Amino acid sequence: MRTNIAFSALVIVCAVTMWSCGGGSLPLSPSVLSPAEATGGAGRTLRPMDYDPMPDPSTPMPDPGTPAPDPNAPAPAPTPMAVIINIIGTVGSNAFMPNPTTANMGDQIVFANTDTRVHHIVLDDGTDLGEVQPGQSSAPVALATPTAMFHCTIHPTMVGAINGDIVPPYVPPPDDYYGYY
């Protein structure tokens, strides 16, 4: 019996202690901090949970003697990239993919022949990339103008554009156009 009374007293003491610490009831929603509480009072600020007062020693620290970059300075020129144009057929503007293609001046243009036929690619400014065998690629050529057109000399309907619209190729009229059969 003594054990029951001691246990009951212990339960009551724990319940009273918890009730007095908790204010009698649990809040149903989170409380809102006042600005003084949010800053920690007396001008102090709270740190985020992921704040690390000791930075990783492998992370380079900024040199205090290095000047900040000038926000009015022009952006550096983009690094030239290789732009690959796939040759996928022999007819029209659908023979190149992507077509039209987007590239910056100075980018290296490469034609990759995934078709089963030989193609001879020429840029409309006169740059001759030569024959591109099936499964092979052309030598890279730097884009010298903001826009460029290209075509295949073996298949004249194969046309494409870089940074521009595709102009439809000249298609000769049918044989009976002039009334000759």
C-alpha atoms as a PDB file:
ATOM      1  CA  MET A   1       0.000   0.000   0.000  1.00  0.00           C
ATOM      2  CA  ARG A   2       2.859   2.261   0.793  1.00  0.00           C
ATOM      3  CA  THR A   3       4.191   1.755  -2.687  1.00  0.00           C
ATOM      4  CA  ASN A   4       0.892   2.876  -4.197  1.00  0.00           C
ATOM      5  CA  ILE A   5       0.800   6.032  -2.068  1.00  0.00           C
ATOM      6  CA  ALA A   6       4.433   6.884  -2.912  1.00  0.00           C
ATOM      7  CA  PHE A   7       3.800   6.299  -6.584  1.00  0.00           C
ATOM      8  CA  SER A   8       0.621   8.414  -6.542  1.00  0.00           C
ATOM      9  CA  ALA A   9       2.454  11.223  -4.759  1.00  0.00           C
ATOM     10  CA  LEU A  10       5.226  11.103  -7.304  1.00  0.00           C
ATOM     11  CA  VAL A  11       2.717  11.289 -10.167  1.00  0.00           C
ATOM     12  CA  ILE A  12       0.998  14.291  -8.548  1.00  0.00           C
ATOM     13  CA  VAL A  13       4.297  16.115  -7.952  1.00  0.00           C
ATOM     14  CA  CYS A  14       5.344  15.541 -11.577  1.00  0.00           C
ATOM     15  CA  ALA A  15       1.982  16.715 -12.881  1.00  0.00           C
ATOM     16  CA  VAL A  16       2.070  19.900 -10.754  1.00  0.00           C
ATOM     17  CA  THR A  17       5.639  20.621 -11.852  1.00  0.00           C
ATOM     18  CA  MET A  18       4.803  20.181 -15.523  1.00  0.00           C
ATOM     19  CA  TRP A  19       1.660  22.293 -15.183  1.00  0.00           C
ATOM     20  CA  SER A  20       3.526  25.140 -13.486  1.00  0.00           C
ATOM     21  CA  CYS A  21       6.339  25.118 -16.078  1.00  0.00           C
ATOM     22  CA  GLY A  22       3.969  25.037 -19.018  1.00  0.00           C
ATOM     23  CA  GLY A  23       1.664  27.792 -17.838  1.00  0.00           C
ATOM     24  CA  GLY A  24      -1.265  25.464 -17.404  1.00  0.00           C
ATOM     25  CA  SER A  25      -1.852  24.613 -21.075  1.00  0.00           C
ATOM     26  CA  LEU A  26      -0.002  24.151 -24.330  1.00  0.00           C
ATOM     27  CA  PRO A  27      -0.358  26.841 -27.011  1.00  0.00           C
ATOM     28  CA  LEU A  28      -2.409  25.821 -30.032  1.00  0.00           C
ATOM     29  CA  SER A  29      -0.323  27.858 -32.504  1.00  0.00           C
ATOM     30  CA  PRO A  30       3.235  29.192 -32.616  1.00  0.00           C
ATOM     31  CA  SER A  31       3.799  32.494 -30.912  1.00  0.00           C
ATOM     32  CA  VAL A  32       4.840  35.629 -32.800  1.00  0.00           C
ATOM     33  CA  LEU A  33       8.091  37.240 -31.719  1.00  0.00           C
ATOM     34  CA  SER A  34       8.211  40.938 -31.154  1.00  0.00           C
ATOM     35  CA  PRO A  35      11.029  42.806 -33.021  1.00  0.00           C
ATOM     36  CA  ALA A  36      13.013  43.095 -29.785  1.00  0.00           C
ATOM     37  CA  GLU A  37      12.756  39.345 -29.197  1.00  0.00           C
ATOM     38  CA  ALA A  38      13.575  38.532 -32.834  1.00  0.00           C
ATOM     39  CA  THR A  39      16.847  40.446 -32.705  1.00  0.00           C
ATOM     40  CA  GLY A  40      17.734  38.979 -29.347  1.00  0.00           C
ATOM     41  CA  GLY A  41      17.208  42.333 -27.620  1.00  0.00           C
ATOM     42  CA  ALA A  42      19.826  45.026 -27.052  1.00  0.00           C
ATOM     43  CA  GLY A  43      20.780  45.230 -30.772  1.00  0.00           C
ATOM     44  CA  ARG A  44      21.816  41.581 -31.082  1.00  0.00           C
ATOM     45  CA  THR A  45      20.734  39.544 -34.074  1.00  0.00           C
ATOM     46  CA  LEU A  46      19.786  35.885 -34.223  1.00  0.00           C
ATOM     47  CA  ARG A  47      21.825  33.611 -36.456  1.00  0.00           C
ATOM     48  CA  PRO A  48      20.241  31.178 -38.907  1.00  0.00           C
ATOM     49  CA  MET A  49      20.207  27.503 -37.957  1.00  0.00           C
ATOM     50  CA  ASP A  50      22.835  26.668 -40.584  1.00  0.00           C
ATOM     51  CA  TYR A  51      25.277  29.366 -39.424  1.00  0.00           C
ATOM     52  CA  ASP A  52      28.820  28.038 -39.122  1.00  0.00           C
ATOM     53  CA  PRO A  53      31.070  30.311 -37.028  1.00  0.00           C
ATOM     54  CA  MET A  54      34.138  28.295 -38.127  1.00  0.00           C
ATOM     55  CA  PRO A  55      34.368  28.296 -41.953  1.00  0.00           C
ATOM     56  CA  ASP A  56      35.812  25.330 -43.805  1.00  0.00           C
ATOM     57  CA  PRO A  57      39.616  25.831 -43.924  1.00  0.00           C
ATOM     58  CA  SER A  58      39.726  24.536 -47.524  1.00  0.00           C
ATOM     59  CA  THR A  59      37.428  27.374 -48.696  1.00  0.00           C
ATOM     60  CA  PRO A  60      39.559  30.254 -49.954  1.00  0.00           C
ATOM     61  CA  MET A  61      38.970  33.492 -48.101  1.00  0.00           C
ATOM     62  CA  PRO A  62      38.642  36.690 -50.140  1.00  0.00           C
ATOM     63  CA  ASP A  63      41.779  38.799 -50.223  1.00  0.00           C
ATOM     64  CA  PRO A  64      41.026  42.074 -48.424  1.00  0.00           C
ATOM     65  CA  GLY A  65      43.420  43.859 -50.791  1.00  0.00           C
ATOM     66  CA  THR A  66      41.492  42.746 -53.911  1.00  0.00           C
ATOM     67  CA  PRO A  67      39.258  45.535 -55.208  1.00  0.00           C
ATOM     68  CA  ALA A  68      35.586  44.818 -55.743  1.00  0.00           C
ATOM     69  CA  PRO A  69      34.559  44.330 -59.375  1.00  0.00           C
ATOM     70  CA  ASP A  70      33.278  47.437 -61.119  1.00  0.00           C
ATOM     71  CA  PRO A  71      29.507  47.058 -61.685  1.00  0.00           C
ATOM     72  CA  ASN A  72      29.723  49.397 -64.703  1.00  0.00           C
ATOM     73  CA  ALA A  73      32.443  47.363 -66.430  1.00  0.00           C
ATOM     74  CA  PRO A  74      31.362  45.572 -69.640  1.00  0.00           C
ATOM     75  CA  ALA A  75      30.720  41.860 -69.366  1.00  0.00           C
ATOM     76  CA  PRO A  76      33.552  39.655 -70.619  1.00  0.00           C
ATOM     77  CA  ALA A  77      33.113  38.097 -74.046  1.00  0.00           C
ATOM     78  CA  PRO A  78      31.641  34.592 -73.927  1.00  0.00           C
ATOM     79  CA  THR A  79      34.064  31.710 -74.279  1.00  0.00           C
ATOM     80  CA  PRO A  80      33.844  30.211 -77.787  1.00  0.00           C
ATOM     81  CA  MET A  81      31.941  26.951 -77.883  1.00  0.00           C
ATOM     82  CA  ALA A  82      31.617  24.159 -80.398  1.00  0.00           C
ATOM     83  CA  VAL A  83      28.240  24.258 -82.153  1.00  0.00           C
ATOM     84  CA  ILE A  84      27.443  20.932 -83.798  1.00  0.00           C
ATOM     85  CA  ILE A  85      24.994  20.811 -86.699  1.00  0.00           C
ATOM     86  CA  ASN A  86      23.903  17.279 -87.571  1.00  0.00           C
ATOM     87  CA  ILE A  87      23.284  16.317 -91.192  1.00  0.00           C
ATOM     88  CA  ILE A  88      20.328  13.932 -91.051  1.00  0.00           C
ATOM     89  CA  GLY A  89      18.967  13.862 -94.613  1.00  0.00           C
ATOM     90  CA  THR A  90      19.300  15.048 -98.205  1.00  0.00           C
ATOM     91  CA  VAL A  91      16.218  17.191 -98.852  1.00  0.00           C
ATOM     92  CA  GLY A  92      15.400  20.758 -97.824  1.00  0.00           C
ATOM     93  CA  SER A  93      15.939  22.565 -94.557  1.00  0.00           C
ATOM     94  CA  ASN A  94      14.943  19.443 -92.594  1.00  0.00           C
ATOM     95  CA  ALA A  95      18.237  17.846 -93.640  1.00  0.00           C
ATOM     96  CA  PHE A  96      20.069  19.759 -90.872  1.00  0.00           C
ATOM     97  CA  MET A  97      19.342  19.578 -87.169  1.00  0.00           C
ATOM     98  CA  PRO A  98      18.982  21.977 -85.445  1.00  0.00           C
ATOM     99  CA  ASN A  99      17.984  24.366 -88.186  1.00  0.00           C
ATOM    100  CA  PRO A 100      18.152  27.308 -87.776  1.00  0.00           C
ATOM    101  CA  THR A 101      21.021  27.124 -85.299  1.00  0.00           C
ATOM    102  CA  THR A 102      22.010  29.678 -82.668  1.00  0.00           C
ATOM    103  CA  ALA A 103      25.695  30.555 -82.211  1.00  0.00           C
ATOM    104  CA  ASN A 104      27.870  33.491 -81.134  1.00  0.00           C
ATOM    105  CA  MET A 105      30.556  35.062 -83.269  1.00  0.00           C
ATOM    106  CA  GLY A 106      33.783  33.144 -82.745  1.00  0.00           C
ATOM    107  CA  ASP A 107      32.008  29.851 -81.924  1.00  0.00           C
ATOM    108  CA  GLN A 108      33.395  26.810 -83.721  1.00  0.00           C
ATOM    109  CA  ILE A 109      30.856  25.405 -86.196  1.00  0.00           C
ATOM    110  CA  VAL A 110      31.121  21.664 -86.880  1.00  0.00           C
ATOM    111  CA  PHE A 111      28.937  19.603 -89.240  1.00  0.00           C
ATOM    112  CA  ALA A 112      28.453  15.951 -88.205  1.00  0.00           C
ATOM    113  CA  ASN A 113      27.195  13.658 -90.970  1.00  0.00           C
ATOM    114  CA  THR A 114      24.771  11.117 -89.490  1.00  0.00           C
ATOM    115  CA  ASP A 115      23.278  10.493 -92.963  1.00  0.00           C
ATOM    116  CA  THR A 116      24.316   7.625 -95.249  1.00  0.00           C
ATOM    117  CA  ARG A 117      25.455   9.884 -98.112  1.00  0.00           C
ATOM    118  CA  VAL A 118      28.413  12.182 -98.710  1.00  0.00           C
ATOM    119  CA  HIS A 119      27.713  15.934 -98.367  1.00  0.00           C
ATOM    120  CA  HIS A 120      29.759  18.975 -99.408  1.00  0.00           C
ATOM    121  CA  ILE A 121      28.991  21.899 -97.063  1.00  0.00           C
ATOM    122  CA  VAL A 122      29.677  25.512 -98.036  1.00  0.00           C
ATOM    123  CA  LEU A 123      28.835  28.643 -96.083  1.00  0.00           C
ATOM    124  CA  ASP A 124      27.237  31.368 -98.200  1.00  0.00           C
ATOM    125  CA  ASP A 125      30.171  33.692 -97.441  1.00  0.00           C
ATOM    126  CA  GLY A 126      32.367  31.314 -99.481  1.00  0.00           C
ATOM    127  CA  THR A 127      33.857  29.256 -96.641  1.00  0.00           C
ATOM    128  CA  ASP A 128      34.193  25.718 -97.990  1.00  0.00           C
ATOM    129  CA  LEU A 129      34.064  22.985 -95.343  1.00  0.00           C
ATOM    130  CA  GLY A 130      34.648  20.268 -97.933  1.00  0.00           C
ATOM    131  CA  GLU A 131      33.112  16.853 -98.199  1.00  0.00           C
ATOM    132  CA  VAL A 132      31.781  15.254 -95.042  1.00  0.00           C
ATOM    133  CA  GLN A 133      31.703  11.467 -95.282  1.00  0.00           C
ATOM    134  CA  PRO A 134      28.979   9.409 -93.516  1.00  0.00           C
ATOM    135  CA  GLY A 135      29.830   9.026 -89.830  1.00  0.00           C
ATOM    136  CA  GLN A 136      32.469  11.789 -90.023  1.00  0.00           C
ATOM    137  CA  SER A 137      32.586  15.472 -89.007  1.00  0.00           C
ATOM    138  CA  SER A 138      33.863  18.560 -90.746  1.00  0.00           C
ATOM    139  CA  ALA A 139      36.806  20.575 -89.501  1.00  0.00           C
ATOM    140  CA  PRO A 140      35.681  23.294 -87.057  1.00  0.00           C
ATOM    141  CA  VAL A 141      35.266  26.757 -88.560  1.00  0.00           C
ATOM    142  CA  ALA A 142      34.915  29.928 -86.479  1.00  0.00           C
ATOM    143  CA  LEU A 143      31.716  31.887 -87.108  1.00  0.00           C
ATOM    144  CA  ALA A 144      32.963  35.207 -88.487  1.00  0.00           C
ATOM    145  CA  THR A 145      29.630  36.998 -89.012  1.00  0.00           C
ATOM    146  CA  PRO A 146      26.557  37.448 -86.787  1.00  0.00           C
ATOM    147  CA  THR A 147      24.408  35.455 -89.225  1.00  0.00           C
ATOM    148  CA  ALA A 148      25.307  32.850 -91.805  1.00  0.00           C
ATOM    149  CA  MET A 149      23.593  30.653 -94.354  1.00  0.00           C
ATOM    150  CA  PHE A 150      24.931  27.299 -95.555  1.00  0.00           C
ATOM    151  CA  HIS A 151      24.072  24.645 -98.110  1.00  0.00           C
ATOM    152  CA  CYS A 152      25.190  21.352 -99.598  1.00  0.00           C
ATOM    153  CA  THR A 153      26.651  21.643-103.110  1.00  0.00           C
ATOM    154  CA  ILE A 154      25.786  18.004-103.903  1.00  0.00           C
ATOM    155  CA  HIS A 155      22.141  18.369-102.782  1.00  0.00           C
ATOM    156  CA  PRO A 156      21.153  21.990-103.622  1.00  0.00           C
ATOM    157  CA  THR A 157      17.846  21.909-101.726  1.00  0.00           C
ATOM    158  CA  MET A 158      19.710  21.316 -98.438  1.00  0.00           C
ATOM    159  CA  VAL A 159      19.886  24.768 -96.847  1.00  0.00           C
ATOM    160  CA  GLY A 160      20.355  26.065 -93.317  1.00  0.00           C
ATOM    161  CA  ALA A 161      20.929  29.178 -91.263  1.00  0.00           C
ATOM    162  CA  ILE A 162      22.852  30.286 -88.203  1.00  0.00           C
ATOM    163  CA  ASN A 163      21.164  33.081 -86.181  1.00  0.00           C
ATOM    164  CA  GLY A 164      18.716  33.829 -88.974  1.00  0.00           C
ATOM    165  CA  ASP A 165      15.706  32.670 -90.915  1.00  0.00           C
ATOM    166  CA  ILE A 166      15.989  29.979 -93.519  1.00  0.00           C
ATOM    167  CA  VAL A 167      15.418  31.199 -97.054  1.00  0.00           C
ATOM    168  CA  PRO A 168      13.678  28.512 -99.088  1.00  0.00           C
ATOM    169  CA  PRO A 169      15.916  27.148-101.824  1.00  0.00           C
ATOM    170  CA  TYR A 170      15.238  27.615-105.494  1.00  0.00           C
ATOM    171  CA  VAL A 171      13.241  24.684-106.808  1.00  0.00           C
ATOM    172  CA  PRO A 172      13.070  24.448-110.596  1.00  0.00           C
ATOM    173  CA  PRO A 173       9.609  24.232-112.102  1.00  0.00           C
ATOM    174  CA  PRO A 174       8.320  20.847-113.195  1.00  0.00           C
ATOM    175  CA  ASP A 175       9.166  19.642-116.712  1.00  0.00           C
ATOM    176  CA  ASP A 176       5.697  20.401-118.072  1.00  0.00           C
ATOM    177  CA  TYR A 177       5.683  23.994-116.749  1.00  0.00           C
ATOM    178  CA  TYR A 178       6.543  25.441-120.148  1.00  0.00           C
ATOM    179  CA  GLY A 179       4.119  23.173-121.974  1.00  0.00           C
ATOM    180  CA  TYR A 180       6.700  20.619-123.103  1.00  0.00           C
ATOM    181  CA  TYR A 181       6.082  16.994-122.394  1.00  0.00           C
END
